Amino acid sequence: MLRALTSALRLPRPWRPLQTRSCASDGAAGDPEIQVRALAGPDQGITEILMNRPSARNALGNVLVSELLEALARLREDQQVRVLLFRSGVKGVFCAGADLKEREQMSEAEVGIFVQRLRGLMNEIAAFPAPTIAAMDGFALGGGLELALACDLRVAAASSAVMGLIETTRGLLPGAGGTQRLPRCLGVALAKELIFTGRRLSGAQAQALGLVNHTVPQNEEGNAAYHRARALAQEILPQAPIAVRLGKVAIDRGMDVDIASGMAIEGICYAQNIPTQDRLEGMAAFREKRPPRFVGK
C-alpha cells in the first residue's frame, strides 16, 4: 500500500510558464465567458479566474465549462501560480448553477454526458495543486455552490451572498459533487437537511454552519468578498509553495482513509519536502532572525 501511495503522491513534473489569457466578455454570442489574470506587484503569485457570462448569470453551460477546463489544464502546469482565486464579473451573482435552459434542449444521453463533464470540472478544481479560493459576492446556487465546495477555501458577503444546493426544488439532485463534498464539509445530517429541503443560506448563515471560512459586509461596489479573498491569498503567498502544495495533498488524501493510512500519507509528503531548498531556507531564516525568501524549489 505504501508503494502505491508513494507513486500517487509524487510531486508534479516541472511546470511550464503560463501564457495568460485576458479576455473581457459583454455577454454577446461567441465572446469568451471567462478571464484569466495573473496579478502583479505585491499580489504576484495570485491568479484569478473571473466568470463573466452576464446574460445567463454565469450559469454553467457547455462553453463556460469548456473554458474553465481549458484554463485549469494550463494553470496547473504553471509554477508561478501559488493561489488560484475564482470570482465573478457579474454583479450580484457568483454562479447561478447549471444552465437549465441549455439542458432543456438536450437528449437524456446528452444530459448524462454533460453532467459527467460538470462533475469532472469540479474534480479538476478540487485536485488543483495550489490552494483555491472562491469569492462569493452574490448567488451561488446548485452547481455554483458545488464549484465553491470544490475550492479549498470560501469567502462570502454576509448579506448579498445566497447559497444552496437547490436541485431538489427543480426535480433534480446535486450531480457535480454536492452530495459528497457538502457532508464532508458540514457532516452527514446537516448536509442531508440542506439537500432534502433545497434551503438557501445567506453568507452569515453559511459561516455559522462552517460552510464558508470568512464573511464580510458588502460594499457599494459589490465585491467585498473578492477583496477579503484576495487578502486571504496574500497571507498564503509568503509561505513555502512546495510545503503548501504537499500540505494540501496530505489533507485531501488523508481525509479519505483511516487515520493510520493518513499518517502514512503525511509521512510520504513530508519526506518529499525534506530535500527542498525552501526547507533549508526556512531553517536559515529562523537562525538568522530574518524573513524567509522561498523560491519554490
C-alpha atoms as a PDB file:
ATOM      1  CA  MET A   1       0.000   0.000   0.000  1.00  0.00           C
ATOM      2  CA  LEU A   2       2.811   2.417   0.871  1.00  0.00           C
ATOM      3  CA  ARG A   3       4.395   1.854  -2.548  1.00  0.00           C
ATOM      4  CA  ALA A   4       1.102   2.729  -4.222  1.00  0.00           C
ATOM      5  CA  LEU A   5       0.716   5.824  -2.044  1.00  0.00           C
ATOM      6  CA  THR A   6       4.259   6.931  -2.804  1.00  0.00           C
ATOM      7  CA  SER A   7       3.595   6.674  -6.528  1.00  0.00           C
ATOM      8  CA  ALA A   8       0.317   8.554  -6.232  1.00  0.00           C
ATOM      9  CA  LEU A   9       1.797  11.364  -4.128  1.00  0.00           C
ATOM     10  CA  ARG A  10       4.789  12.297  -6.254  1.00  0.00           C
ATOM     11  CA  LEU A  11       5.359  15.980  -6.877  1.00  0.00           C
ATOM     12  CA  PRO A  12       4.129  17.128 -10.298  1.00  0.00           C
ATOM     13  CA  ARG A  13       6.592  17.243 -13.181  1.00  0.00           C
ATOM     14  CA  PRO A  14       8.372  20.579 -13.811  1.00  0.00           C
ATOM     15  CA  TRP A  15       5.923  23.301 -14.760  1.00  0.00           C
ATOM     16  CA  ARG A  16       5.901  25.334 -17.975  1.00  0.00           C
ATOM     17  CA  PRO A  17       5.268  29.102 -17.850  1.00  0.00           C
ATOM     18  CA  LEU A  18       1.646  30.060 -18.382  1.00  0.00           C
ATOM     19  CA  GLN A  19       0.573  32.195 -21.302  1.00  0.00           C
ATOM     20  CA  THR A  20      -2.231  34.045 -19.534  1.00  0.00           C
ATOM     21  CA  ARG A  21      -5.470  34.885 -21.286  1.00  0.00           C
ATOM     22  CA  SER A  22      -7.157  38.192 -20.633  1.00  0.00           C
ATOM     23  CA  CYS A  23     -10.493  38.437 -22.418  1.00  0.00           C
ATOM     24  CA  ALA A  24     -13.437  40.512 -21.353  1.00  0.00           C
ATOM     25  CA  SER A  25     -16.948  39.456 -22.277  1.00  0.00           C
ATOM     26  CA  ASP A  26     -20.013  41.612 -22.781  1.00  0.00           C
ATOM     27  CA  GLY A  27     -22.275  38.582 -22.973  1.00  0.00           C
ATOM     28  CA  ALA A  28     -22.526  38.567 -26.762  1.00  0.00           C
ATOM     29  CA  ALA A  29     -22.565  35.225 -28.522  1.00  0.00           C
ATOM     30  CA  GLY A  30     -19.089  33.936 -29.272  1.00  0.00           C
ATOM     31  CA  ASP A  31     -17.325  36.078 -26.671  1.00  0.00           C
ATOM     32  CA  PRO A  32     -15.155  34.291 -24.089  1.00  0.00           C
ATOM     33  CA  GLU A  33     -17.006  33.661 -20.860  1.00  0.00           C
ATOM     34  CA  ILE A  34     -14.019  33.778 -18.506  1.00  0.00           C
ATOM     35  CA  GLN A  35     -10.973  35.936 -17.921  1.00  0.00           C
ATOM     36  CA  VAL A  36      -7.716  34.520 -16.579  1.00  0.00           C
ATOM     37  CA  ARG A  37      -5.482  37.109 -14.971  1.00  0.00           C
ATOM     38  CA  ALA A  38      -2.121  36.731 -13.234  1.00  0.00           C
ATOM     39  CA  LEU A  39      -1.765  39.574 -10.723  1.00  0.00           C
ATOM     40  CA  ALA A  40       1.424  41.592 -10.399  1.00  0.00           C
ATOM     41  CA  GLY A  41       3.297  43.591  -7.785  1.00  0.00           C
ATOM     42  CA  PRO A  42       2.594  42.543  -4.179  1.00  0.00           C
ATOM     43  CA  ASP A  43      -0.078  40.161  -5.495  1.00  0.00           C
ATOM     44  CA  GLN A  44       2.318  38.286  -7.789  1.00  0.00           C
ATOM     45  CA  GLY A  45       1.554  34.596  -7.415  1.00  0.00           C
ATOM     46  CA  ILE A  46      -2.222  35.108  -7.273  1.00  0.00           C
ATOM     47  CA  THR A  47      -4.108  34.128 -10.417  1.00  0.00           C
ATOM     48  CA  GLU A  48      -7.788  34.913 -10.883  1.00  0.00           C
ATOM     49  CA  ILE A  49     -10.408  33.144 -12.935  1.00  0.00           C
ATOM     50  CA  LEU A  50     -13.214  35.611 -13.497  1.00  0.00           C
ATOM     51  CA  MET A  51     -16.517  34.172 -14.717  1.00  0.00           C
ATOM     52  CA  ASN A  52     -18.250  36.669 -16.982  1.00  0.00           C
ATOM     53  CA  ARG A  53     -21.469  35.420 -18.575  1.00  0.00           C
ATOM     54  CA  PRO A  54     -23.920  38.162 -17.589  1.00  0.00           C
ATOM     55  CA  SER A  55     -26.695  37.091 -19.966  1.00  0.00           C
ATOM     56  CA  ALA A  56     -27.070  33.828 -18.041  1.00  0.00           C
ATOM     57  CA  ARG A  57     -25.896  34.879 -14.549  1.00  0.00           C
ATOM     58  CA  ASN A  58     -22.722  32.791 -15.009  1.00  0.00           C
ATOM     59  CA  ALA A  59     -24.774  29.623 -15.482  1.00  0.00           C
ATOM     60  CA  LEU A  60     -22.622  26.604 -16.267  1.00  0.00           C
ATOM     61  CA  GLY A  61     -23.242  25.830 -19.911  1.00  0.00           C
ATOM     62  CA  ASN A  62     -21.102  23.941 -22.408  1.00  0.00           C
ATOM     63  CA  VAL A  63     -18.948  26.929 -23.368  1.00  0.00           C
ATOM     64  CA  LEU A  64     -18.273  28.097 -19.810  1.00  0.00           C
ATOM     65  CA  VAL A  65     -17.437  24.566 -18.662  1.00  0.00           C
ATOM     66  CA  SER A  66     -15.087  24.055 -21.628  1.00  0.00           C
ATOM     67  CA  GLU A  67     -13.300  27.347 -20.997  1.00  0.00           C
ATOM     68  CA  LEU A  68     -12.880  26.560 -17.294  1.00  0.00           C
ATOM     69  CA  LEU A  69     -11.456  23.118 -18.072  1.00  0.00           C
ATOM     70  CA  GLU A  70      -9.044  24.600 -20.603  1.00  0.00           C
ATOM     71  CA  ALA A  71      -7.881  27.279 -18.164  1.00  0.00           C
ATOM     72  CA  LEU A  72      -7.347  24.773 -15.362  1.00  0.00           C
ATOM     73  CA  ALA A  73      -5.320  22.482 -17.639  1.00  0.00           C
ATOM     74  CA  ARG A  74      -2.971  25.373 -18.456  1.00  0.00           C
ATOM     75  CA  LEU A  75      -2.777  26.834 -14.971  1.00  0.00           C
ATOM     76  CA  ARG A  76      -1.953  23.585 -13.202  1.00  0.00           C
ATOM     77  CA  GLU A  77       1.321  23.457 -15.179  1.00  0.00           C
ATOM     78  CA  ASP A  78       2.472  26.899 -14.035  1.00  0.00           C
ATOM     79  CA  GLN A  79       4.786  27.019 -11.039  1.00  0.00           C
ATOM     80  CA  GLN A  80       4.117  30.732 -10.611  1.00  0.00           C
ATOM     81  CA  VAL A  81       0.506  30.107  -9.568  1.00  0.00           C
ATOM     82  CA  ARG A  82       0.616  29.995  -5.783  1.00  0.00           C
ATOM     83  CA  VAL A  83      -3.073  30.743  -5.191  1.00  0.00           C
ATOM     84  CA  LEU A  84      -5.993  30.417  -7.633  1.00  0.00           C
ATOM     85  CA  LEU A  85      -8.991  32.635  -6.959  1.00  0.00           C
ATOM     86  CA  PHE A  86     -12.452  32.158  -8.506  1.00  0.00           C
ATOM     87  CA  ARG A  87     -14.605  35.283  -8.747  1.00  0.00           C
ATOM     88  CA  SER A  88     -17.441  36.756 -10.786  1.00  0.00           C
ATOM     89  CA  GLY A  89     -17.527  39.681 -13.166  1.00  0.00           C
ATOM     90  CA  VAL A  90     -21.325  39.799 -12.903  1.00  0.00           C
ATOM     91  CA  LYS A  91     -22.555  41.912 -10.012  1.00  0.00           C
ATOM     92  CA  GLY A  92     -24.859  40.144  -7.570  1.00  0.00           C
ATOM     93  CA  VAL A  93     -24.038  36.606  -8.666  1.00  0.00           C
ATOM     94  CA  PHE A  94     -21.157  34.176  -8.244  1.00  0.00           C
ATOM     95  CA  CYS A  95     -22.621  31.357 -10.335  1.00  0.00           C
ATOM     96  CA  ALA A  96     -26.317  30.589 -10.753  1.00  0.00           C
ATOM     97  CA  GLY A  97     -25.677  26.868 -11.270  1.00  0.00           C
ATOM     98  CA  ALA A  98     -26.193  24.711 -14.328  1.00  0.00           C
ATOM     99  CA  ASP A  99     -27.689  26.261 -17.442  1.00  0.00           C
ATOM    100  CA  LEU A 100     -31.112  24.606 -17.315  1.00  0.00           C
ATOM    101  CA  LYS A 101     -32.310  26.397 -20.454  1.00  0.00           C
ATOM    102  CA  GLU A 102     -29.466  24.820 -22.377  1.00  0.00           C
ATOM    103  CA  ARG A 103     -30.024  21.470 -20.701  1.00  0.00           C
ATOM    104  CA  GLU A 104     -33.708  21.515 -21.634  1.00  0.00           C
ATOM    105  CA  GLN A 105     -32.657  21.203 -25.279  1.00  0.00           C
ATOM    106  CA  MET A 106     -30.504  18.121 -24.608  1.00  0.00           C
ATOM    107  CA  SER A 107     -31.486  14.491 -25.021  1.00  0.00           C
ATOM    108  CA  GLU A 108     -31.280  12.210 -21.991  1.00  0.00           C
ATOM    109  CA  ALA A 109     -27.980  10.833 -23.267  1.00  0.00           C
ATOM    110  CA  GLU A 110     -26.596  14.345 -23.746  1.00  0.00           C
ATOM    111  CA  VAL A 111     -27.660  15.314 -20.235  1.00  0.00           C
ATOM    112  CA  GLY A 112     -25.734  12.382 -18.796  1.00  0.00           C
ATOM    113  CA  ILE A 113     -22.615  13.299 -20.767  1.00  0.00           C
ATOM    114  CA  PHE A 114     -22.810  16.959 -19.764  1.00  0.00           C
ATOM    115  CA  VAL A 115     -23.277  16.225 -16.066  1.00  0.00           C
ATOM    116  CA  GLN A 116     -20.278  13.908 -16.226  1.00  0.00           C
ATOM    117  CA  ARG A 117     -18.225  16.779 -17.711  1.00  0.00           C
ATOM    118  CA  LEU A 118     -19.514  19.094 -14.993  1.00  0.00           C
ATOM    119  CA  ARG A 119     -18.512  16.580 -12.328  1.00  0.00           C
ATOM    120  CA  GLY A 120     -15.112  16.310 -13.980  1.00  0.00           C
ATOM    121  CA  LEU A 121     -14.721  20.094 -13.819  1.00  0.00           C
ATOM    122  CA  MET A 122     -15.351  20.110 -10.077  1.00  0.00           C
ATOM    123  CA  ASN A 123     -12.864  17.273  -9.629  1.00  0.00           C
ATOM    124  CA  GLU A 124     -10.250  19.257 -11.568  1.00  0.00           C
ATOM    125  CA  ILE A 125     -10.811  22.254  -9.288  1.00  0.00           C
ATOM    126  CA  ALA A 126     -10.556  20.070  -6.189  1.00  0.00           C
ATOM    127  CA  ALA A 127      -7.358  18.439  -7.478  1.00  0.00           C
ATOM    128  CA  PHE A 128      -5.699  21.719  -8.476  1.00  0.00           C
ATOM    129  CA  PRO A 129      -2.195  21.608  -6.956  1.00  0.00           C
ATOM    130  CA  ALA A 130      -2.194  25.116  -5.445  1.00  0.00           C
ATOM    131  CA  PRO A 131      -4.716  26.455  -2.909  1.00  0.00           C
ATOM    132  CA  THR A 132      -8.015  27.623  -4.412  1.00  0.00           C
ATOM    133  CA  ILE A 133     -10.399  30.263  -3.042  1.00  0.00           C
ATOM    134  CA  ALA A 134     -13.994  31.025  -4.038  1.00  0.00           C
ATOM    135  CA  ALA A 135     -15.062  34.662  -3.600  1.00  0.00           C
ATOM    136  CA  MET A 136     -18.867  34.671  -3.381  1.00  0.00           C
ATOM    137  CA  ASP A 137     -20.327  38.170  -3.557  1.00  0.00           C
ATOM    138  CA  GLY A 138     -23.727  37.023  -4.802  1.00  0.00           C
ATOM    139  CA  PHE A 139     -25.829  33.982  -5.614  1.00  0.00           C
ATOM    140  CA  ALA A 140     -24.078  30.599  -5.600  1.00  0.00           C
ATOM    141  CA  LEU A 141     -26.799  28.036  -6.244  1.00  0.00           C
ATOM    142  CA  GLY A 142     -26.695  24.391  -7.311  1.00  0.00           C
ATOM    143  CA  GLY A 143     -23.625  23.913  -9.457  1.00  0.00           C
ATOM    144  CA  GLY A 144     -22.387  27.336  -8.364  1.00  0.00           C
ATOM    145  CA  LEU A 145     -22.153  26.141  -4.777  1.00  0.00           C
ATOM    146  CA  GLU A 146     -20.670  22.844  -5.968  1.00  0.00           C
ATOM    147  CA  LEU A 147     -17.920  24.867  -7.655  1.00  0.00           C
ATOM    148  CA  ALA A 148     -17.264  26.724  -4.403  1.00  0.00           C
ATOM    149  CA  LEU A 149     -17.285  23.442  -2.446  1.00  0.00           C
ATOM    150  CA  ALA A 150     -14.584  22.112  -4.772  1.00  0.00           C
ATOM    151  CA  CYS A 151     -12.349  25.018  -3.715  1.00  0.00           C
ATOM    152  CA  ASP A 152     -10.154  24.772  -0.630  1.00  0.00           C
ATOM    153  CA  LEU A 153     -11.427  27.991   0.949  1.00  0.00           C
ATOM    154  CA  ARG A 154     -14.602  30.047   0.625  1.00  0.00           C
ATOM    155  CA  VAL A 155     -15.287  33.723   1.373  1.00  0.00           C
ATOM    156  CA  ALA A 156     -18.767  35.255   1.171  1.00  0.00           C
ATOM    157  CA  ALA A 157     -20.514  38.585   1.533  1.00  0.00           C
ATOM    158  CA  ALA A 158     -22.612  38.327   4.683  1.00  0.00           C
ATOM    159  CA  SER A 159     -25.901  39.548   3.202  1.00  0.00           C
ATOM    160  CA  SER A 160     -25.674  39.560  -0.609  1.00  0.00           C
ATOM    161  CA  ALA A 161     -24.264  36.047  -0.959  1.00  0.00           C
ATOM    162  CA  VAL A 162     -27.016  33.433  -1.180  1.00  0.00           C
ATOM    163  CA  MET A 163     -26.040  29.788  -1.492  1.00  0.00           C
ATOM    164  CA  GLY A 164     -27.685  26.403  -1.508  1.00  0.00           C
ATOM    165  CA  LEU A 165     -27.949  23.050  -3.233  1.00  0.00           C
ATOM    166  CA  ILE A 166     -31.439  23.718  -4.556  1.00  0.00           C
ATOM    167  CA  GLU A 167     -31.608  20.889  -7.099  1.00  0.00           C
ATOM    168  CA  THR A 168     -34.471  19.062  -5.359  1.00  0.00           C
ATOM    169  CA  THR A 169     -36.664  22.126  -5.941  1.00  0.00           C
ATOM    170  CA  ARG A 170     -36.121  21.584  -9.681  1.00  0.00           C
ATOM    171  CA  GLY A 171     -36.794  17.853  -9.734  1.00  0.00           C
ATOM    172  CA  LEU A 172     -33.061  17.076  -9.655  1.00  0.00           C
ATOM    173  CA  LEU A 173     -30.367  16.113  -7.184  1.00  0.00           C
ATOM    174  CA  PRO A 174     -26.846  17.525  -6.908  1.00  0.00           C
ATOM    175  CA  GLY A 175     -24.800  15.832  -9.615  1.00  0.00           C
ATOM    176  CA  ALA A 176     -21.448  17.640  -9.613  1.00  0.00           C
ATOM    177  CA  GLY A 177     -20.108  16.586  -6.237  1.00  0.00           C
ATOM    178  CA  GLY A 178     -22.596  18.233  -3.896  1.00  0.00           C
ATOM    179  CA  THR A 179     -23.814  15.004  -2.295  1.00  0.00           C
ATOM    180  CA  GLN A 180     -20.210  14.126  -1.467  1.00  0.00           C
ATOM    181  CA  ARG A 181     -18.481  17.403  -0.644  1.00  0.00           C
ATOM    182  CA  LEU A 182     -21.242  19.014   1.445  1.00  0.00           C
ATOM    183  CA  PRO A 183     -21.384  16.175   4.025  1.00  0.00           C
ATOM    184  CA  ARG A 184     -17.580  16.151   4.187  1.00  0.00           C
ATOM    185  CA  CYS A 185     -17.764  19.871   4.931  1.00  0.00           C
ATOM    186  CA  LEU A 186     -20.729  20.038   7.322  1.00  0.00           C
ATOM    187  CA  GLY A 187     -21.430  16.464   8.424  1.00  0.00           C
ATOM    188  CA  VAL A 188     -23.961  13.973   7.118  1.00  0.00           C
ATOM    189  CA  ALA A 189     -27.119  15.019   8.986  1.00  0.00           C
ATOM    190  CA  LEU A 190     -26.843  18.723   8.208  1.00  0.00           C
ATOM    191  CA  ALA A 191     -25.931  18.080   4.566  1.00  0.00           C
ATOM    192  CA  LYS A 192     -28.972  15.838   4.197  1.00  0.00           C
ATOM    193  CA  GLU A 193     -31.208  18.519   5.695  1.00  0.00           C
ATOM    194  CA  LEU A 194     -29.913  21.186   3.320  1.00  0.00           C
ATOM    195  CA  ILE A 195     -30.160  18.957   0.231  1.00  0.00           C
ATOM    196  CA  PHE A 196     -33.542  17.447   1.115  1.00  0.00           C
ATOM    197  CA  THR A 197     -35.076  20.898   1.718  1.00  0.00           C
ATOM    198  CA  GLY A 198     -33.214  22.809  -1.010  1.00  0.00           C
ATOM    199  CA  ARG A 199     -32.682  25.531   1.591  1.00  0.00           C
ATOM    200  CA  ARG A 200     -30.906  28.756   0.707  1.00  0.00           C
ATOM    201  CA  LEU A 201     -28.441  30.318   3.144  1.00  0.00           C
ATOM    202  CA  SER A 202     -27.091  33.830   3.480  1.00  0.00           C
ATOM    203  CA  GLY A 203     -23.364  34.291   3.788  1.00  0.00           C
ATOM    204  CA  ALA A 204     -23.718  34.892   7.520  1.00  0.00           C
ATOM    205  CA  GLN A 205     -25.768  31.700   7.975  1.00  0.00           C
ATOM    206  CA  ALA A 206     -23.252  29.746   5.908  1.00  0.00           C
ATOM    207  CA  GLN A 207     -20.386  30.905   8.099  1.00  0.00           C
ATOM    208  CA  ALA A 208     -22.293  29.964  11.263  1.00  0.00           C
ATOM    209  CA  LEU A 209     -22.601  26.408   9.886  1.00  0.00           C
ATOM    210  CA  GLY A 210     -18.941  26.256   8.808  1.00  0.00           C
ATOM    211  CA  LEU A 211     -19.698  26.293   5.081  1.00  0.00           C
ATOM    212  CA  VAL A 212     -17.532  29.360   4.437  1.00  0.00           C
ATOM    213  CA  ASN A 213     -14.283  30.450   6.074  1.00  0.00           C
ATOM    214  CA  HIS A 214     -14.993  34.188   6.247  1.00  0.00           C
ATOM    215  CA  THR A 215     -17.847  36.627   5.712  1.00  0.00           C
ATOM    216  CA  VAL A 216     -17.646  40.383   5.215  1.00  0.00           C
ATOM    217  CA  PRO A 217     -20.196  43.196   4.952  1.00  0.00           C
ATOM    218  CA  GLN A 218     -20.919  44.009   1.312  1.00  0.00           C
ATOM    219  CA  ASN A 219     -19.584  47.279  -0.113  1.00  0.00           C
ATOM    220  CA  GLU A 220     -21.076  49.670  -2.671  1.00  0.00           C
ATOM    221  CA  GLU A 221     -19.116  48.085  -5.499  1.00  0.00           C
ATOM    222  CA  GLY A 222     -20.489  44.644  -4.631  1.00  0.00           C
ATOM    223  CA  ASN A 223     -17.055  42.984  -4.418  1.00  0.00           C
ATOM    224  CA  ALA A 224     -16.274  42.846  -0.700  1.00  0.00           C
ATOM    225  CA  ALA A 225     -15.873  39.053  -0.675  1.00  0.00           C
ATOM    226  CA  TYR A 226     -13.388  39.319  -3.534  1.00  0.00           C
ATOM    227  CA  HIS A 227     -11.258  41.790  -1.589  1.00  0.00           C
ATOM    228  CA  ARG A 228     -11.350  39.572   1.516  1.00  0.00           C
ATOM    229  CA  ALA A 229     -10.449  36.524  -0.589  1.00  0.00           C
ATOM    230  CA  ARG A 230      -7.552  38.444  -2.097  1.00  0.00           C
ATOM    231  CA  ALA A 231      -6.332  39.393   1.384  1.00  0.00           C
ATOM    232  CA  LEU A 232      -6.524  35.727   2.366  1.00  0.00           C
ATOM    233  CA  ALA A 233      -4.498  34.800  -0.713  1.00  0.00           C
ATOM    234  CA  GLN A 234      -1.907  37.389   0.292  1.00  0.00           C
ATOM    235  CA  GLU A 235      -1.483  35.553   3.605  1.00  0.00           C
ATOM    236  CA  ILE A 236      -0.652  32.356   1.712  1.00  0.00           C
ATOM    237  CA  LEU A 237       1.787  33.953  -0.765  1.00  0.00           C
ATOM    238  CA  PRO A 238       4.808  34.302   1.583  1.00  0.00           C
ATOM    239  CA  GLN A 239       4.692  30.654   2.654  1.00  0.00           C
ATOM    240  CA  ALA A 240       6.820  27.914   1.097  1.00  0.00           C
ATOM    241  CA  PRO A 241       4.888  26.885  -2.028  1.00  0.00           C
ATOM    242  CA  ILE A 242       6.034  23.263  -2.154  1.00  0.00           C
ATOM    243  CA  ALA A 243       5.208  22.775   1.532  1.00  0.00           C
ATOM    244  CA  VAL A 244       1.771  24.360   0.980  1.00  0.00           C
ATOM    245  CA  ARG A 245       1.039  22.110  -2.005  1.00  0.00           C
ATOM    246  CA  LEU A 246       2.192  18.988  -0.163  1.00  0.00           C
ATOM    247  CA  GLY A 247       0.127  20.014   2.859  1.00  0.00           C
ATOM    248  CA  LYS A 248      -2.914  20.183   0.602  1.00  0.00           C
ATOM    249  CA  VAL A 249      -2.184  16.703  -0.773  1.00  0.00           C
ATOM    250  CA  ALA A 250      -1.736  15.277   2.730  1.00  0.00           C
ATOM    251  CA  ILE A 251      -5.031  16.728   3.949  1.00  0.00           C
ATOM    252  CA  ASP A 252      -7.074  15.834   0.868  1.00  0.00           C
ATOM    253  CA  ARG A 253      -5.767  12.285   0.543  1.00  0.00           C
ATOM    254  CA  GLY A 254      -5.750  11.692   4.291  1.00  0.00           C
ATOM    255  CA  MET A 255      -9.416  12.621   4.719  1.00  0.00           C
ATOM    256  CA  ASP A 256     -10.453   9.714   2.501  1.00  0.00           C
ATOM    257  CA  VAL A 257      -8.699   6.976   4.510  1.00  0.00           C
ATOM    258  CA  ASP A 258      -8.345   5.769   8.094  1.00  0.00           C
ATOM    259  CA  ILE A 259      -6.014   7.755  10.344  1.00  0.00           C
ATOM    260  CA  ALA A 260      -3.189   5.212  10.178  1.00  0.00           C
ATOM    261  CA  SER A 261      -3.144   5.426   6.389  1.00  0.00           C
ATOM    262  CA  GLY A 262      -3.465   9.191   6.674  1.00  0.00           C
ATOM    263  CA  MET A 263      -0.362   9.306   8.871  1.00  0.00           C
ATOM    264  CA  ALA A 264       1.483   7.294   6.224  1.00  0.00           C
ATOM    265  CA  ILE A 265       0.389   9.790   3.572  1.00  0.00           C
ATOM    266  CA  GLU A 266       1.619  12.645   5.742  1.00  0.00           C
ATOM    267  CA  GLY A 267       4.964  10.897   6.140  1.00  0.00           C
ATOM    268  CA  ILE A 268       5.333  10.447   2.382  1.00  0.00           C
ATOM    269  CA  CYS A 269       4.531  14.110   1.775  1.00  0.00           C
ATOM    270  CA  TYR A 270       6.934  15.222   4.489  1.00  0.00           C
ATOM    271  CA  ALA A 271       9.715  13.101   3.010  1.00  0.00           C
ATOM    272  CA  GLN A 272       9.250  14.813  -0.358  1.00  0.00           C
ATOM    273  CA  ASN A 273       9.722  18.204   1.293  1.00  0.00           C
ATOM    274  CA  ILE A 274      12.974  17.317   3.086  1.00  0.00           C
ATOM    275  CA  PRO A 275      15.337  17.761   0.092  1.00  0.00           C
ATOM    276  CA  THR A 276      13.865  21.128  -0.978  1.00  0.00           C
ATOM    277  CA  GLN A 277      15.831  24.365  -0.962  1.00  0.00           C
ATOM    278  CA  ASP A 278      12.912  26.061   0.743  1.00  0.00           C
ATOM    279  CA  ARG A 279      13.201  23.839   3.814  1.00  0.00           C
ATOM    280  CA  LEU A 280      16.850  24.814   4.213  1.00  0.00           C
ATOM    281  CA  GLU A 281      15.979  28.457   3.602  1.00  0.00           C
ATOM    282  CA  GLY A 282      13.299  28.329   6.289  1.00  0.00           C
ATOM    283  CA  MET A 283      15.757  26.991   8.878  1.00  0.00           C
ATOM    284  CA  ALA A 284      18.434  29.505   7.847  1.00  0.00           C
ATOM    285  CA  ALA A 285      15.971  32.391   8.099  1.00  0.00           C
ATOM    286  CA  PHE A 286      14.914  31.248  11.569  1.00  0.00           C
ATOM    287  CA  ARG A 287      18.547  31.003  12.688  1.00  0.00           C
ATOM    288  CA  GLU A 288      19.412  34.410  11.213  1.00  0.00           C
ATOM    289  CA  LYS A 289      16.226  36.049  12.518  1.00  0.00           C
ATOM    290  CA  ARG A 290      15.082  37.308   9.111  1.00  0.00           C
ATOM    291  CA  PRO A 291      12.044  36.686   6.884  1.00  0.00           C
ATOM    292  CA  PRO A 292      12.495  33.622   4.639  1.00  0.00           C
ATOM    293  CA  ARG A 293      12.760  34.001   0.862  1.00  0.00           C
ATOM    294  CA  PHE A 294      11.053  30.942  -0.570  1.00  0.00           C
ATOM    295  CA  VAL A 295      11.529  30.202  -4.272  1.00  0.00           C
ATOM    296  CA  GLY A 296       9.512  27.023  -4.760  1.00  0.00           C
ATOM    297  CA  LYS A 297      12.475  24.658  -5.154  1.00  0.00           C
END
